[in-house]
Amino acid sequence: MRDRKKIVLSLVVAALLTPLGLLLPRLFRAGDAWGEWDTDDIARTLGYVPDGMARLAELWRAPIPDYSIWGDGSWLAASASYFVSALVGIILSVGASYLVLRFIVKRDGN
């Protein structure tokens, strides 16, 4: 039980720290977080968009683009959206892990 508390506490701390992904780039004028670029950002940075990226860019549309649940564009709204996205991700990951482990344990008979 003690290990479970450590895991839950670690996940809560990670969720609480998610708004740092918005704050730190602003403080250091660094632009978007690593890997969060769209084709427009790449074109501005590189001067062109690689063929593979241009071809596959429209393949997947994020269910919550830019993690924006509330759309007023303020830093507070964006932070709240990041936090909610983190919680949803944690809940889905833990739930999926639980179901997989339960299936494995049931199959092994332990």
N, C-alpha and C. Protein backbone atom coordinates (compact mmCIF):
# COMPACT_ATOMS: atom_id res chain seq x y z
N MET A 1 0.82 -1.20 0.00
CA MET A 1 0.00 0.00 0.00
C MET A 1 0.86 1.25 0.00
N ARG A 2 2.00 1.19 0.64
CA ARG A 2 2.89 2.34 0.71
C ARG A 2 3.41 2.73 -0.67
N ASP A 3 3.73 1.73 -1.50
CA ASP A 3 4.19 1.99 -2.86
C ASP A 3 3.10 2.66 -3.68
N ARG A 4 1.87 2.26 -3.48
CA ARG A 4 0.75 2.86 -4.21
C ARG A 4 0.63 4.35 -3.87
N LYS A 5 0.81 4.70 -2.61
CA LYS A 5 0.74 6.11 -2.21
C LYS A 5 1.85 6.92 -2.88
N LYS A 6 3.04 6.34 -2.97
CA LYS A 6 4.15 7.03 -3.63
C LYS A 6 3.83 7.27 -5.11
N ILE A 7 3.26 6.27 -5.75
CA ILE A 7 2.92 6.40 -7.16
C ILE A 7 1.86 7.47 -7.36
N VAL A 8 0.82 7.44 -6.54
CA VAL A 8 -0.25 8.44 -6.65
C VAL A 8 0.30 9.83 -6.39
N LEU A 9 1.12 9.98 -5.37
CA LEU A 9 1.71 11.28 -5.07
C LEU A 9 2.58 11.77 -6.22
N SER A 10 3.36 10.88 -6.80
CA SER A 10 4.20 11.25 -7.95
C SER A 10 3.35 11.72 -9.13
N LEU A 11 2.25 11.04 -9.39
CA LEU A 11 1.37 11.43 -10.49
C LEU A 11 0.70 12.78 -10.23
N VAL A 12 0.30 13.02 -8.99
CA VAL A 12 -0.31 14.30 -8.64
C VAL A 12 0.70 15.43 -8.79
N VAL A 13 1.92 15.22 -8.31
CA VAL A 13 2.97 16.24 -8.46
C VAL A 13 3.24 16.51 -9.94
N ALA A 14 3.32 15.46 -10.73
CA ALA A 14 3.55 15.64 -12.18
C ALA A 14 2.42 16.44 -12.81
N ALA A 15 1.19 16.16 -12.43
CA ALA A 15 0.05 16.91 -12.97
C ALA A 15 0.10 18.38 -12.54
N LEU A 16 0.48 18.62 -11.28
CA LEU A 16 0.56 20.00 -10.80
C LEU A 16 1.68 20.79 -11.48
N LEU A 17 2.72 20.09 -11.93
CA LEU A 17 3.84 20.77 -12.59
C LEU A 17 3.62 21.00 -14.08
N THR A 18 2.55 20.46 -14.65
CA THR A 18 2.35 20.59 -16.10
C THR A 18 2.29 22.03 -16.59
N PRO A 19 1.73 22.98 -15.85
CA PRO A 19 1.73 24.36 -16.36
C PRO A 19 3.13 24.95 -16.55
N LEU A 20 4.15 24.33 -15.97
CA LEU A 20 5.52 24.81 -16.21
C LEU A 20 5.88 24.71 -17.68
N GLY A 21 5.26 23.77 -18.38
CA GLY A 21 5.48 23.65 -19.82
C GLY A 21 5.02 24.88 -20.58
N LEU A 22 4.13 25.65 -20.01
CA LEU A 22 3.70 26.92 -20.59
C LEU A 22 4.52 28.09 -20.06
N LEU A 23 4.81 28.05 -18.77
CA LEU A 23 5.47 29.18 -18.12
C LEU A 23 6.93 29.31 -18.53
N LEU A 24 7.69 28.24 -18.49
CA LEU A 24 9.13 28.33 -18.77
C LEU A 24 9.45 28.83 -20.17
N PRO A 25 8.79 28.35 -21.22
CA PRO A 25 9.09 28.92 -22.54
C PRO A 25 8.79 30.42 -22.61
N ARG A 26 7.75 30.86 -21.91
CA ARG A 26 7.46 32.31 -21.89
C ARG A 26 8.56 33.08 -21.18
N LEU A 27 9.00 32.56 -20.04
CA LEU A 27 10.04 33.26 -19.28
C LEU A 27 11.33 33.37 -20.07
N PHE A 28 11.66 32.33 -20.82
CA PHE A 28 12.91 32.32 -21.57
C PHE A 28 12.74 32.68 -23.04
N ARG A 29 11.53 33.12 -23.40
CA ARG A 29 11.21 33.49 -24.79
C ARG A 29 11.66 32.40 -25.77
N ALA A 30 11.29 31.18 -25.44
CA ALA A 30 11.78 30.03 -26.18
C ALA A 30 10.81 29.51 -27.24
N GLY A 31 9.64 30.08 -27.34
CA GLY A 31 8.67 29.56 -28.31
C GLY A 31 7.94 28.35 -27.75
N ASP A 32 7.49 27.50 -28.64
CA ASP A 32 6.73 26.33 -28.23
C ASP A 32 7.62 25.28 -27.56
N ALA A 33 6.97 24.41 -26.82
CA ALA A 33 7.68 23.29 -26.20
C ALA A 33 8.21 22.36 -27.28
N TRP A 34 9.23 21.59 -26.95
CA TRP A 34 9.88 20.69 -27.90
C TRP A 34 8.85 19.72 -28.49
N GLY A 35 8.81 19.68 -29.80
CA GLY A 35 7.93 18.75 -30.50
C GLY A 35 6.49 19.22 -30.66
N GLU A 36 6.17 20.42 -30.17
CA GLU A 36 4.80 20.93 -30.26
C GLU A 36 4.59 21.80 -31.49
N TRP A 37 5.42 21.66 -32.49
CA TRP A 37 5.37 22.55 -33.64
C TRP A 37 4.39 22.05 -34.68
N ASP A 38 3.79 22.99 -35.39
CA ASP A 38 2.99 22.62 -36.55
C ASP A 38 3.78 22.99 -37.80
N THR A 39 3.21 22.77 -38.95
CA THR A 39 3.95 23.02 -40.19
C THR A 39 4.29 24.50 -40.36
N ASP A 40 3.45 25.39 -39.85
CA ASP A 40 3.77 26.83 -39.93
C ASP A 40 5.01 27.17 -39.11
N ASP A 41 5.11 26.60 -37.90
CA ASP A 41 6.29 26.84 -37.06
C ASP A 41 7.56 26.30 -37.72
N ILE A 42 7.46 25.12 -38.30
CA ILE A 42 8.61 24.52 -38.98
C ILE A 42 9.03 25.38 -40.17
N ALA A 43 8.06 25.85 -40.94
CA ALA A 43 8.37 26.68 -42.11
C ALA A 43 9.07 27.98 -41.68
N ARG A 44 8.62 28.58 -40.58
CA ARG A 44 9.26 29.80 -40.07
C ARG A 44 10.68 29.52 -39.60
N THR A 45 10.87 28.39 -38.95
CA THR A 45 12.18 28.05 -38.38
C THR A 45 13.17 27.59 -39.44
N LEU A 46 12.75 26.67 -40.29
CA LEU A 46 13.66 26.06 -41.27
C LEU A 46 13.63 26.74 -42.64
N GLY A 47 12.54 27.44 -42.91
CA GLY A 47 12.39 28.03 -44.23
C GLY A 47 11.66 27.12 -45.20
N TYR A 48 11.37 25.92 -44.80
CA TYR A 48 10.61 24.97 -45.62
C TYR A 48 10.00 23.92 -44.70
N VAL A 49 9.09 23.14 -45.23
CA VAL A 49 8.49 22.04 -44.48
C VAL A 49 8.94 20.73 -45.14
N PRO A 50 9.56 19.82 -44.39
CA PRO A 50 9.97 18.55 -44.98
C PRO A 50 8.77 17.82 -45.62
N ASP A 51 9.04 17.17 -46.74
CA ASP A 51 7.97 16.51 -47.51
C ASP A 51 7.13 15.55 -46.67
N GLY A 52 7.79 14.72 -45.89
CA GLY A 52 7.07 13.75 -45.06
C GLY A 52 6.17 14.42 -44.05
N MET A 53 6.65 15.49 -43.44
CA MET A 53 5.83 16.20 -42.46
C MET A 53 4.65 16.87 -43.14
N ALA A 54 4.87 17.49 -44.29
CA ALA A 54 3.79 18.14 -45.02
C ALA A 54 2.73 17.11 -45.43
N ARG A 55 3.17 15.94 -45.85
CA ARG A 55 2.25 14.90 -46.31
C ARG A 55 1.43 14.31 -45.16
N LEU A 56 2.05 14.16 -43.99
CA LEU A 56 1.38 13.49 -42.88
C LEU A 56 0.77 14.44 -41.85
N ALA A 57 0.95 15.74 -42.03
CA ALA A 57 0.50 16.70 -41.03
C ALA A 57 -1.00 16.65 -40.79
N GLU A 58 -1.77 16.36 -41.79
CA GLU A 58 -3.23 16.35 -41.66
C GLU A 58 -3.79 14.97 -41.30
N LEU A 59 -2.91 13.99 -41.13
CA LEU A 59 -3.35 12.63 -40.84
C LEU A 59 -4.08 12.54 -39.51
N TRP A 60 -3.63 13.27 -38.51
CA TRP A 60 -4.20 13.20 -37.17
C TRP A 60 -4.56 14.59 -36.68
N ARG A 61 -5.76 14.74 -36.21
CA ARG A 61 -6.20 15.99 -35.58
C ARG A 61 -6.36 15.73 -34.09
N ALA A 62 -5.72 16.54 -33.28
CA ALA A 62 -5.80 16.37 -31.83
C ALA A 62 -7.23 16.60 -31.36
N PRO A 63 -7.71 15.77 -30.42
CA PRO A 63 -9.06 15.97 -29.90
C PRO A 63 -9.20 17.29 -29.15
N ILE A 64 -8.12 17.73 -28.53
CA ILE A 64 -8.11 19.03 -27.83
C ILE A 64 -6.90 19.79 -28.35
N PRO A 65 -7.04 20.51 -29.48
CA PRO A 65 -5.88 21.20 -30.07
C PRO A 65 -5.23 22.18 -29.10
N ASP A 66 -3.92 22.13 -29.03
CA ASP A 66 -3.13 23.00 -28.14
C ASP A 66 -3.56 22.88 -26.68
N TYR A 67 -4.19 21.78 -26.32
CA TYR A 67 -4.66 21.54 -24.96
C TYR A 67 -5.62 22.63 -24.49
N SER A 68 -6.29 23.31 -25.40
CA SER A 68 -7.15 24.45 -25.06
C SER A 68 -8.59 24.00 -24.87
N ILE A 69 -8.96 23.85 -23.63
CA ILE A 69 -10.33 23.49 -23.30
C ILE A 69 -11.16 24.76 -23.20
N TRP A 70 -10.59 25.76 -22.57
CA TRP A 70 -11.24 27.07 -22.45
C TRP A 70 -10.51 28.02 -23.37
N GLY A 71 -11.26 28.72 -24.22
CA GLY A 71 -10.62 29.41 -25.33
C GLY A 71 -10.35 30.89 -25.22
N ASP A 72 -10.19 31.48 -24.04
CA ASP A 72 -9.95 32.93 -24.03
C ASP A 72 -8.49 33.29 -24.25
N GLY A 73 -7.61 32.30 -24.32
CA GLY A 73 -6.21 32.54 -24.66
C GLY A 73 -5.34 33.05 -23.52
N SER A 74 -5.88 33.23 -22.33
CA SER A 74 -5.07 33.72 -21.22
C SER A 74 -4.16 32.62 -20.70
N TRP A 75 -3.10 33.04 -20.01
CA TRP A 75 -2.16 32.07 -19.45
C TRP A 75 -2.85 31.19 -18.41
N LEU A 76 -3.74 31.78 -17.62
CA LEU A 76 -4.45 31.02 -16.58
C LEU A 76 -5.35 29.95 -17.21
N ALA A 77 -6.07 30.31 -18.26
CA ALA A 77 -6.94 29.33 -18.94
C ALA A 77 -6.10 28.23 -19.57
N ALA A 78 -4.99 28.60 -20.18
CA ALA A 78 -4.11 27.60 -20.79
C ALA A 78 -3.53 26.66 -19.73
N SER A 79 -3.14 27.21 -18.58
CA SER A 79 -2.60 26.39 -17.50
C SER A 79 -3.66 25.42 -16.97
N ALA A 80 -4.88 25.92 -16.80
CA ALA A 80 -5.96 25.06 -16.34
C ALA A 80 -6.22 23.95 -17.36
N SER A 81 -6.18 24.29 -18.64
CA SER A 81 -6.38 23.29 -19.69
C SER A 81 -5.27 22.24 -19.66
N TYR A 82 -4.03 22.67 -19.49
CA TYR A 82 -2.90 21.73 -19.39
C TYR A 82 -3.10 20.79 -18.20
N PHE A 83 -3.51 21.36 -17.07
CA PHE A 83 -3.71 20.57 -15.86
C PHE A 83 -4.81 19.53 -16.08
N VAL A 84 -5.93 19.95 -16.65
CA VAL A 84 -7.03 19.02 -16.91
C VAL A 84 -6.58 17.94 -17.90
N SER A 85 -5.83 18.34 -18.92
CA SER A 85 -5.31 17.36 -19.88
C SER A 85 -4.40 16.35 -19.19
N ALA A 86 -3.58 16.83 -18.27
CA ALA A 86 -2.69 15.92 -17.53
C ALA A 86 -3.51 14.94 -16.69
N LEU A 87 -4.53 15.44 -16.01
CA LEU A 87 -5.36 14.55 -15.19
C LEU A 87 -6.08 13.51 -16.04
N VAL A 88 -6.62 13.94 -17.17
CA VAL A 88 -7.30 13.00 -18.06
C VAL A 88 -6.31 11.94 -18.55
N GLY A 89 -5.11 12.38 -18.94
CA GLY A 89 -4.09 11.43 -19.38
C GLY A 89 -3.70 10.45 -18.30
N ILE A 90 -3.54 10.94 -17.09
CA ILE A 90 -3.19 10.06 -15.96
C ILE A 90 -4.30 9.06 -15.71
N ILE A 91 -5.54 9.54 -15.68
CA ILE A 91 -6.67 8.65 -15.41
C ILE A 91 -6.78 7.58 -16.49
N LEU A 92 -6.66 7.98 -17.75
CA LEU A 92 -6.74 7.00 -18.85
C LEU A 92 -5.59 6.00 -18.80
N SER A 93 -4.38 6.48 -18.50
CA SER A 93 -3.22 5.59 -18.43
C SER A 93 -3.33 4.60 -17.28
N VAL A 94 -3.72 5.10 -16.12
CA VAL A 94 -3.88 4.22 -14.96
C VAL A 94 -5.01 3.22 -15.21
N GLY A 95 -6.11 3.70 -15.77
CA GLY A 95 -7.24 2.81 -16.07
C GLY A 95 -6.87 1.72 -17.05
N ALA A 96 -6.17 2.08 -18.12
CA ALA A 96 -5.75 1.09 -19.12
C ALA A 96 -4.77 0.10 -18.50
N SER A 97 -3.83 0.59 -17.69
CA SER A 97 -2.87 -0.30 -17.02
C SER A 97 -3.59 -1.27 -16.09
N TYR A 98 -4.56 -0.76 -15.36
CA TYR A 98 -5.33 -1.59 -14.44
C TYR A 98 -6.05 -2.71 -15.19
N LEU A 99 -6.70 -2.33 -16.30
CA LEU A 99 -7.44 -3.33 -17.08
C LEU A 99 -6.51 -4.39 -17.66
N VAL A 100 -5.37 -3.96 -18.18
CA VAL A 100 -4.41 -4.92 -18.75
C VAL A 100 -3.88 -5.84 -17.66
N LEU A 101 -3.49 -5.28 -16.53
CA LEU A 101 -2.98 -6.12 -15.43
C LEU A 101 -4.05 -7.07 -14.92
N ARG A 102 -5.26 -6.59 -14.83
CA ARG A 102 -6.34 -7.45 -14.35
C ARG A 102 -6.57 -8.61 -15.32
N PHE A 103 -6.50 -8.34 -16.60
CA PHE A 103 -6.66 -9.38 -17.62
C PHE A 103 -5.52 -10.40 -17.52
N ILE A 104 -4.29 -9.91 -17.34
CA ILE A 104 -3.13 -10.80 -17.24
C ILE A 104 -3.23 -11.67 -16.00
N VAL A 105 -3.58 -11.08 -14.87
CA VAL A 105 -3.68 -11.84 -13.62
C VAL A 105 -4.79 -12.87 -13.73
N LYS A 106 -5.92 -12.49 -14.31
CA LYS A 106 -7.04 -13.41 -14.46
C LYS A 106 -6.66 -14.58 -15.37
N ARG A 107 -5.92 -14.29 -16.43
CA ARG A 107 -5.51 -15.33 -17.37
C ARG A 107 -4.52 -16.30 -16.75
N ASP A 108 -3.63 -15.79 -15.90
CA ASP A 108 -2.64 -16.65 -15.25
C ASP A 108 -3.22 -17.41 -14.07
N GLY A 109 -4.39 -17.00 -13.61
CA GLY A 109 -5.03 -17.68 -12.49
C GLY A 109 -4.48 -17.30 -11.13
N ASN A 110 -3.71 -16.24 -11.05
CA ASN A 110 -3.15 -15.81 -9.75
C ASN A 110 -4.01 -14.77 -9.13
